[in-house]
Protein backbone atom coordinates (compact mmCIF):
# COMPACT_ATOMS: atom_id res chain seq x y z
CA UNK A 1 0.00 0.00 0.00
CA UNK A 2 1.38 3.32 -1.02
CA UNK A 3 0.79 5.70 1.86
CA UNK A 4 2.26 8.64 -0.05
CA UNK A 5 -0.64 8.74 -2.51
CA UNK A 6 -3.55 10.91 -1.42
CA UNK A 7 -6.73 8.97 -0.73
CA UNK A 8 -9.61 10.88 0.87
CA UNK A 9 -11.33 7.72 2.17
CA UNK A 10 -8.15 6.46 3.82
CA UNK A 11 -7.41 9.90 5.27
CA UNK A 12 -10.92 10.19 6.70
CA UNK A 13 -10.72 6.73 8.27
CA UNK A 14 -7.30 7.47 9.77
CA UNK A 15 -8.79 10.52 11.47
CA UNK A 16 -12.03 8.90 12.62
CA UNK A 17 -11.35 5.18 13.25
CA UNK A 18 -8.75 4.09 15.83
CA UNK A 19 -8.93 0.47 14.63
CA UNK A 20 -8.15 1.57 11.07
CA UNK A 21 -5.26 3.71 12.37
CA UNK A 22 -3.85 0.67 14.19
CA UNK A 23 -4.05 -1.46 11.03
CA UNK A 24 -2.18 1.23 9.08
CA UNK A 25 0.45 1.41 11.82
CA UNK A 26 0.92 -2.39 11.83
CA UNK A 27 1.18 -2.40 8.03
CA UNK A 28 3.90 0.29 8.15
CA UNK A 29 5.74 -1.61 10.90
CA UNK A 30 5.73 -4.80 8.83
CA UNK A 31 6.90 -2.86 5.77
CA UNK A 32 9.82 -1.38 7.72
CA UNK A 33 10.90 -4.79 9.07
CA UNK A 34 10.60 -6.38 5.62
CA UNK A 35 12.84 -3.66 4.24
CA UNK A 36 15.41 -4.44 6.94
CA UNK A 37 15.26 -8.15 6.14
CA UNK A 38 15.58 -7.48 2.40
CA UNK A 39 18.89 -5.72 2.98
CA UNK A 40 20.46 -8.72 4.71
CA UNK A 41 23.14 -10.30 2.56
CA UNK A 42 22.88 -13.76 4.10
CA UNK A 43 19.67 -14.11 6.10
CA UNK A 44 19.54 -17.13 8.38
CA UNK A 45 16.64 -19.60 8.47
CA UNK A 46 14.79 -17.69 11.18
CA UNK A 47 15.07 -14.42 9.25
CA UNK A 48 13.86 -16.10 6.05
CA UNK A 49 10.88 -17.55 7.92
CA UNK A 50 10.17 -14.17 9.50
CA UNK A 51 10.18 -12.57 6.04
CA UNK A 52 7.67 -15.07 4.64
CA UNK A 53 5.45 -14.75 7.71
CA UNK A 54 5.53 -10.94 7.64
CA UNK A 55 4.67 -10.86 3.94
CA UNK A 56 1.57 -12.98 4.62
CA UNK A 57 0.55 -10.87 7.62
CA UNK A 58 1.12 -7.65 5.68
CA UNK A 59 -1.02 -8.88 2.80
CA UNK A 60 -3.81 -9.90 5.18
CA UNK A 61 -3.67 -6.42 6.77
CA UNK A 62 -3.78 -4.80 3.34
CA UNK A 63 -6.87 -6.83 2.46
CA UNK A 64 -8.52 -5.80 5.74
CA UNK A 65 -7.62 -2.14 5.19
CA UNK A 66 -9.05 -2.14 1.68
CA UNK A 67 -12.19 -3.94 2.87
CA UNK A 68 -12.73 -1.26 5.51
CA UNK A 69 -12.19 1.47 2.91
CA UNK A 70 -14.65 -0.21 0.55
CA UNK A 71 -17.24 -0.60 3.32
CA UNK A 72 -16.82 3.04 4.28
CA UNK A 73 -17.27 4.12 0.65
CA UNK A 74 -20.44 2.05 0.28
CA UNK A 75 -21.95 3.25 3.54
CA UNK A 76 -21.28 6.95 2.90
């Protein structure tokens, strides 16, 4: 998810919904850690497993974020 692109629905939800804000924060945290792992020259088995796990969790968060944005759009 590109947080640098303006999206009025996302911005409104960030301001009004603490749960949505937390999901965005978790997504950004996972993105930061994945970036750190990607810069490792020789990641060990645990780091490789962490990377795979974080990618799955990040994707699930992204799906949840977009579902919330879609629901907000439909209901408003």
